[in-house]
Protein backbone atom coordinates (compact mmCIF):
# COMPACT_ATOMS: atom_id res chain seq x y z
CA MET A 1 0.00 0.00 0.00
CA LYS A 2 1.34 3.38 -1.00
CA ARG A 3 2.04 5.94 1.69
CA PHE A 4 1.51 9.64 1.25
CA LEU A 5 3.39 12.08 3.43
CA VAL A 6 3.72 15.83 4.01
CA LEU A 7 7.01 17.65 4.23
CA SER A 8 8.24 17.67 7.82
CA LEU A 9 10.55 20.49 8.76
CA ALA A 10 12.19 18.44 11.47
CA LEU A 11 13.17 15.70 9.02
CA LEU A 12 14.25 17.83 6.07
CA THR A 13 18.01 17.65 5.40
CA LEU A 14 20.29 19.13 2.77
CA ALA A 15 23.52 18.06 1.10
CA GLY A 16 25.02 20.10 -1.72
CA CYS A 17 21.85 21.27 -3.45
CA GLY A 18 19.45 18.83 -1.76
CA SER A 19 17.45 17.51 1.20
CA GLN A 20 15.78 14.49 2.78
CA ALA A 21 12.16 14.87 3.72
CA THR A 22 8.91 13.35 4.70
CA ALA A 23 5.57 14.72 3.65
CA ALA A 24 1.73 15.15 4.44
CA SER A 25 -1.35 13.44 3.11
CA ASP A 26 -3.02 16.55 1.70
CA THR A 27 -0.19 17.03 -0.81
CA GLY A 28 -0.96 13.77 -2.60
CA VAL A 29 2.74 13.09 -3.04
CA ASN A 30 3.66 9.42 -3.30
CA THR A 31 6.85 8.90 -1.31
CA SER A 32 6.74 5.11 -1.28
CA ALA A 33 9.34 2.96 -3.02
CA ALA A 34 6.57 1.75 -5.35
CA GLN A 35 6.52 4.88 -7.47
CA ASP A 36 4.35 3.79 -10.42
CA ARG A 37 6.43 6.21 -12.50
CA VAL A 38 5.29 7.79 -15.74
CA ALA A 39 6.77 5.65 -18.52
CA THR A 40 7.61 6.00 -22.19
CA THR A 41 8.55 3.67 -25.02
CA LYS A 42 11.86 3.28 -26.80
CA ASN A 43 12.45 5.86 -29.50
CA GLU A 44 14.48 4.15 -32.20
CA ALA A 45 15.75 7.39 -33.74
CA ALA A 46 17.08 8.61 -30.39
CA ALA A 47 18.59 5.24 -29.52
CA ALA A 48 20.38 5.14 -32.88
CA LEU A 49 22.31 8.27 -31.85
CA LEU A 50 23.99 6.46 -28.96
CA PRO A 51 27.60 5.43 -29.46
CA ALA A 52 27.95 1.66 -29.82
CA ARG A 53 29.64 1.39 -26.42
CA ALA A 54 26.58 2.96 -24.73
CA ARG A 55 24.09 0.74 -26.57
CA ASP A 56 26.10 -2.39 -25.81
CA HIS A 57 26.36 -1.50 -22.14
CA GLY A 58 22.57 -1.46 -21.89
CA THR A 59 22.39 0.86 -18.90
CA LEU A 60 22.27 4.60 -18.29
CA VAL A 61 24.35 5.36 -15.21
CA VAL A 62 22.90 8.53 -13.74
CA GLY A 63 24.73 10.75 -11.28
CA ALA A 64 22.18 12.22 -8.89
CA GLY A 65 23.95 14.89 -6.87
CA PHE A 66 21.33 15.51 -4.24
CA GLY A 67 23.16 13.81 -1.39
CA SER A 68 20.66 13.04 1.37
CA GLY A 69 17.89 14.59 -0.72
CA SER A 70 16.24 17.68 -2.16
CA VAL A 71 12.45 17.56 -2.18
CA PRO A 72 10.89 17.40 -4.75
CA LEU A 73 13.92 17.25 -7.06
CA GLY A 74 15.50 14.09 -5.69
CA PHE A 75 15.23 12.35 -2.33
CA TYR A 76 14.82 8.93 -0.74
CA ALA A 77 11.52 7.08 -0.55
CA ASP A 78 10.01 5.82 2.69
CA ASP A 79 12.35 2.83 2.60
CA ASN A 80 15.32 5.24 2.91
CA LYS A 81 17.08 3.65 -0.06
CA THR A 82 15.04 4.17 -3.24
CA PRO A 83 15.82 7.46 -5.05
CA ILE A 84 12.66 9.28 -6.16
CA GLY A 85 11.66 12.76 -7.28
CA LEU A 86 11.38 14.97 -10.34
CA GLU A 87 14.98 14.58 -11.54
CA VAL A 88 14.84 10.82 -11.05
CA ASP A 89 11.62 10.59 -13.07
CA ILE A 90 13.15 12.58 -15.94
CA ALA A 91 16.19 10.29 -15.90
CA TYR A 92 13.89 7.25 -16.12
CA LEU A 93 12.08 8.78 -19.11
CA VAL A 94 15.33 9.46 -20.98
CA ALA A 95 16.61 5.96 -20.26
CA GLY A 96 13.31 4.50 -21.46
CA ALA A 97 13.38 6.51 -24.68
CA LEU A 98 16.93 5.27 -25.32
CA GLY A 99 16.06 1.66 -24.55
CA LEU A 100 18.44 1.60 -21.59
CA LYS A 101 18.05 0.52 -17.97
CA PRO A 102 18.54 3.45 -15.57
CA GLU A 103 20.96 3.07 -12.68
CA ILE A 104 20.55 5.98 -10.27
CA GLU A 105 23.68 6.61 -8.21
CA VAL A 106 23.13 9.16 -5.46
CA THR A 107 26.17 11.24 -4.63
CA SER A 108 27.12 14.64 -3.26
CA TRP A 109 26.88 17.72 -5.46
CA GLU A 110 30.68 18.06 -5.60
CA ASN A 111 31.28 14.38 -6.38
CA LEU A 112 28.69 14.44 -9.14
CA PHE A 113 31.02 16.49 -11.35
CA LEU A 114 34.04 14.39 -10.43
CA GLY A 115 32.05 11.35 -11.53
CA LEU A 116 31.18 12.98 -14.84
CA ASP A 117 34.85 13.91 -15.36
CA SER A 118 35.97 10.32 -14.81
CA ALA A 119 33.11 8.82 -16.86
CA LYS A 120 31.82 7.03 -13.76
CA TYR A 121 28.43 8.52 -14.66
CA ASP A 122 27.01 8.68 -18.19
CA VAL A 123 24.90 11.70 -17.34
CA GLY A 124 23.97 14.00 -14.50
CA PHE A 125 20.32 14.70 -13.69
CA SER A 126 20.48 16.92 -10.63
CA ASN A 127 18.96 20.36 -11.27
CA ILE A 128 22.16 21.38 -13.07
CA THR A 129 22.05 24.89 -14.52
CA VAL A 130 23.72 25.62 -17.86
CA THR A 131 26.55 28.10 -17.29
CA GLU A 132 29.25 29.34 -19.64
CA LYS A 133 31.90 28.14 -17.22
CA ARG A 134 30.45 24.63 -17.07
CA LYS A 135 30.18 24.54 -20.86
CA GLN A 136 33.97 24.57 -20.98
CA LYS A 137 33.97 21.04 -19.52
CA TYR A 138 30.50 19.62 -20.14
CA ASP A 139 27.80 19.25 -22.78
CA PHE A 140 24.18 20.02 -21.97
CA ALA A 141 20.77 18.93 -23.26
CA THR A 142 18.15 21.15 -21.65
CA TYR A 143 14.84 19.95 -20.23
CA ARG A 144 13.49 22.54 -17.77
CA LYS A 145 13.55 26.21 -16.95
CA ASP A 146 15.79 27.16 -14.06
CA ASP A 147 14.01 29.38 -11.58
CA ILE A 148 15.45 30.20 -8.17
CA ALA A 149 13.79 31.85 -5.20
CA PHE A 150 14.19 33.45 -1.79
CA GLU A 151 12.25 31.97 1.12
CA ALA A 152 11.57 33.87 4.37
CA LYS A 153 9.30 33.54 7.39
CA LYS A 154 5.68 34.21 6.57
CA GLY A 155 4.55 37.78 7.18
CA SER A 156 7.81 39.43 6.23
CA SER A 157 7.46 42.81 4.52
CA TRP A 158 10.88 42.35 2.90
CA ARG A 159 10.87 41.51 -0.81
CA VAL A 160 13.81 40.73 -3.09
CA THR A 161 13.33 42.25 -6.52
CA SER A 162 16.99 42.94 -7.32
CA GLY A 163 20.48 42.37 -5.94
CA LYS A 164 20.34 45.58 -3.91
CA ASP A 165 17.61 44.09 -1.71
CA ILE A 166 20.01 41.62 -0.07
CA ALA A 167 22.23 44.36 1.36
CA GLY A 168 22.78 43.87 5.09
CA LYS A 169 20.79 40.62 5.22
CA THR A 170 21.90 37.17 6.36
CA ILE A 171 21.11 34.55 3.73
CA ALA A 172 21.67 30.79 3.53
CA VAL A 173 22.65 29.15 0.26
CA GLY A 174 24.03 25.80 -0.91
CA SER A 175 27.79 25.68 -1.42
CA GLY A 176 28.92 25.29 -5.03
CA THR A 177 25.50 26.03 -6.46
CA ASN A 178 24.39 28.48 -9.12
CA GLN A 179 22.48 30.35 -6.42
CA GLU A 180 25.68 30.86 -4.47
CA LYS A 181 27.40 32.40 -7.50
CA ILE A 182 24.53 34.84 -8.06
CA LEU A 183 24.44 35.77 -4.39
CA VAL A 184 28.21 36.36 -4.26
CA ASP A 185 28.10 38.50 -7.42
CA TRP A 186 25.25 40.60 -6.04
CA ASN A 187 27.06 41.03 -2.75
CA GLU A 188 30.26 42.18 -4.44
CA ALA A 189 28.34 44.70 -6.55
CA ASN A 190 26.58 46.05 -3.46
CA VAL A 191 29.82 46.50 -1.55
CA LYS A 192 31.35 48.37 -4.51
CA ALA A 193 28.28 50.60 -4.53
CA GLY A 194 28.73 51.40 -0.82
CA LEU A 195 25.86 49.24 0.42
CA PRO A 196 26.14 47.03 3.50
CA ALA A 197 27.46 43.55 2.78
CA ALA A 198 25.17 40.57 3.11
CA THR A 199 26.28 37.70 5.32
CA ILE A 200 26.22 34.36 3.50
CA LYS A 201 25.64 31.22 5.57
CA TYR A 202 26.14 27.57 4.62
CA PHE A 203 24.43 24.58 6.22
CA GLN A 204 25.03 20.90 5.51
CA LYS A 205 21.45 20.00 6.41
CA ASN A 206 18.24 21.70 5.40
CA THR A 207 17.03 20.97 8.91
CA ASP A 208 19.64 23.42 10.14
CA THR A 209 18.75 25.96 7.44
CA TYR A 210 15.10 26.02 8.44
CA LEU A 211 15.83 26.05 12.16
CA ALA A 212 18.04 29.07 11.56
CA LEU A 213 15.26 30.71 9.55
CA SER A 214 12.59 30.04 12.17
CA SER A 215 14.83 31.34 14.98
CA GLY A 216 15.76 34.50 13.09
CA ARG A 217 19.45 33.65 12.75
CA ILE A 218 19.09 34.05 9.01
CA ASP A 219 16.74 36.29 7.08
CA ALA A 220 16.20 34.03 4.08
CA TYR A 221 17.17 30.91 2.20
CA PHE A 222 18.11 31.20 -1.50
CA GLY A 223 17.58 27.97 -3.44
CA PRO A 224 15.90 26.15 -6.32
CA ASN A 225 12.32 27.32 -6.87
CA PRO A 226 10.78 23.81 -6.95
CA SER A 227 12.20 22.96 -3.52
CA ILE A 228 11.17 26.27 -2.01
CA ALA A 229 7.68 26.18 -3.54
CA TYR A 230 7.21 22.68 -2.14
CA HIS A 231 8.35 23.67 1.34
CA VAL A 232 6.24 26.84 1.38
CA LYS A 233 3.19 24.81 0.43
CA THR A 234 3.70 22.02 2.93
CA SER A 235 5.15 23.83 5.97
CA GLY A 236 2.72 26.73 6.15
CA GLU A 237 5.38 28.76 7.98
CA THR A 238 7.28 30.48 5.18
CA GLU A 239 6.70 32.35 1.93
CA THR A 240 8.48 33.10 -1.32
CA ILE A 241 9.71 36.72 -1.28
CA GLY A 242 11.44 36.82 -4.65
CA LYS A 243 11.86 34.62 -7.73
CA PHE A 244 14.41 34.94 -10.53
CA SER A 245 15.79 33.21 -13.57
CA GLY A 246 18.79 31.13 -12.63
CA ALA A 247 20.82 32.86 -15.36
CA GLY A 248 20.18 36.43 -14.29
CA PRO A 249 17.86 39.21 -15.47
CA LYS A 250 18.74 39.07 -19.17
CA LEU A 251 18.54 35.32 -19.78
CA GLN A 252 16.17 32.51 -18.82
CA GLY A 253 18.18 29.91 -16.96
CA LEU A 254 17.88 26.31 -18.09
CA ILE A 255 18.34 22.97 -16.35
CA ALA A 256 20.02 20.26 -18.40
CA ALA A 257 21.14 16.68 -18.67
CA THR A 258 24.90 17.00 -18.25
CA THR A 259 27.66 14.87 -19.72
CA LYS A 260 31.42 15.07 -20.21
CA LYS A 261 32.26 17.34 -23.13
CA ASP A 262 32.63 15.66 -26.52
CA ASP A 263 31.83 12.16 -25.22
CA GLY A 264 29.31 11.67 -28.05
CA LEU A 265 26.24 11.30 -25.83
CA VAL A 266 24.55 14.69 -25.77
CA LYS A 267 22.73 14.38 -29.13
CA ALA A 268 21.12 11.14 -27.99
CA TYR A 269 19.99 12.77 -24.76
CA GLN A 270 18.53 15.71 -26.65
CA ALA A 271 16.65 13.40 -29.03
CA ALA A 272 15.32 11.34 -26.11
CA LEU A 273 14.14 14.45 -24.30
CA ASN A 274 12.40 15.77 -27.41
CA ALA A 275 10.74 12.38 -27.84
CA VAL A 276 9.27 12.40 -24.33
CA ILE A 277 8.21 16.02 -24.73
CA ALA A 278 6.37 15.02 -27.92
CA ASP A 279 4.66 11.94 -26.47
CA GLY A 280 3.35 13.77 -23.39
CA SER A 281 5.16 11.74 -20.74
CA TYR A 282 7.41 14.70 -19.92
CA ALA A 283 4.42 16.95 -19.17
CA LYS A 284 2.94 14.27 -16.91
CA VAL A 285 6.14 14.08 -14.86
CA LEU A 286 6.33 17.86 -14.40
CA ALA A 287 2.64 17.99 -13.42
CA ARG A 288 3.20 15.16 -10.95
CA TRP A 289 5.77 17.28 -9.08
CA ASN A 290 3.89 20.58 -9.46
CA VAL A 291 6.46 22.25 -11.72
CA ALA A 292 4.50 22.46 -14.97
CA GLY A 293 5.40 26.15 -15.19
CA GLU A 294 9.05 25.23 -15.74
CA ALA A 295 8.39 23.17 -18.89
CA VAL A 296 10.32 23.82 -22.10
CA GLU A 297 8.97 23.33 -25.63
CA LYS A 298 12.10 21.52 -26.84
CA SER A 299 15.51 20.39 -25.66
CA GLU A 300 18.51 22.44 -26.77
CA ILE A 301 22.17 21.52 -26.86
CA ASN A 302 24.54 23.96 -25.11
CA PRO A 303 22.41 27.12 -25.26
CA PRO A 304 23.64 30.39 -23.73
CA GLY A 305 24.09 29.97 -19.99
CA LEU A 306 24.87 31.98 -16.90
CA PRO A 307 27.67 34.25 -18.12
CA LEU A 308 31.27 34.20 -17.01
CA THR A 309 32.35 37.05 -14.78
CA SER A 310 35.69 38.83 -15.00
């Protein structure tokens, strides 16, 4: 029998970009190991784009850099061992379209990229934003808009509409994430403009982040919009006070399947993603995790990303 849970602040933990959680019945979120995932069929045209070595191997080894979990992107089911979530479901769709068996290997955010570098993982599905710096080492096939958000205690009159609004505030962010880069850049610009510096805090567990928020030790948490929207909905104690593109004000950020540069896999991933977009299974997965607003019309290879800074 499937269990349905609501996000519990006390059990929510973060590693890298992620968190472990439990949830509540009114959300209708299936957190059991028996996921009954949305499925697709093999797309012969996409599968034909795989290098022979990938077809012969028969599996798609997926690096999932959410550590102990990041609801609803990737986290562990009730059995504490089965990876589930939005990113996992997308990985299953791509593997299905390519006629491969998915092998989800959960790792830390930092070790995800080391695994891609060493070819331990065929692909990363872990809310990875396309950036110009990352494009120097990796190839990308996009599958979702990248929106990021600020979360604060409910009832706050403070709103973040631009970088200037973080001046003098204390904000938590995940180490090594796109959000951290944006926050650091904003902070540096504010200091140059004579504004008070923001204090940036890092927590290994989302439990600690939210305890700090509830106690007033931090003013806000800056993270992926899907995770924040989920927590706002289920906790009832916080609210979103600002939402932005993950690539800055002049470019819509994009999340992408990520692979080692020039390894010959990215075209197959793009074709598989376009196949599941076309057959409707992609839309069903996004709707399942309440992120339909982040859908893309097609997958792109290596589009413009978060720009390099001097």
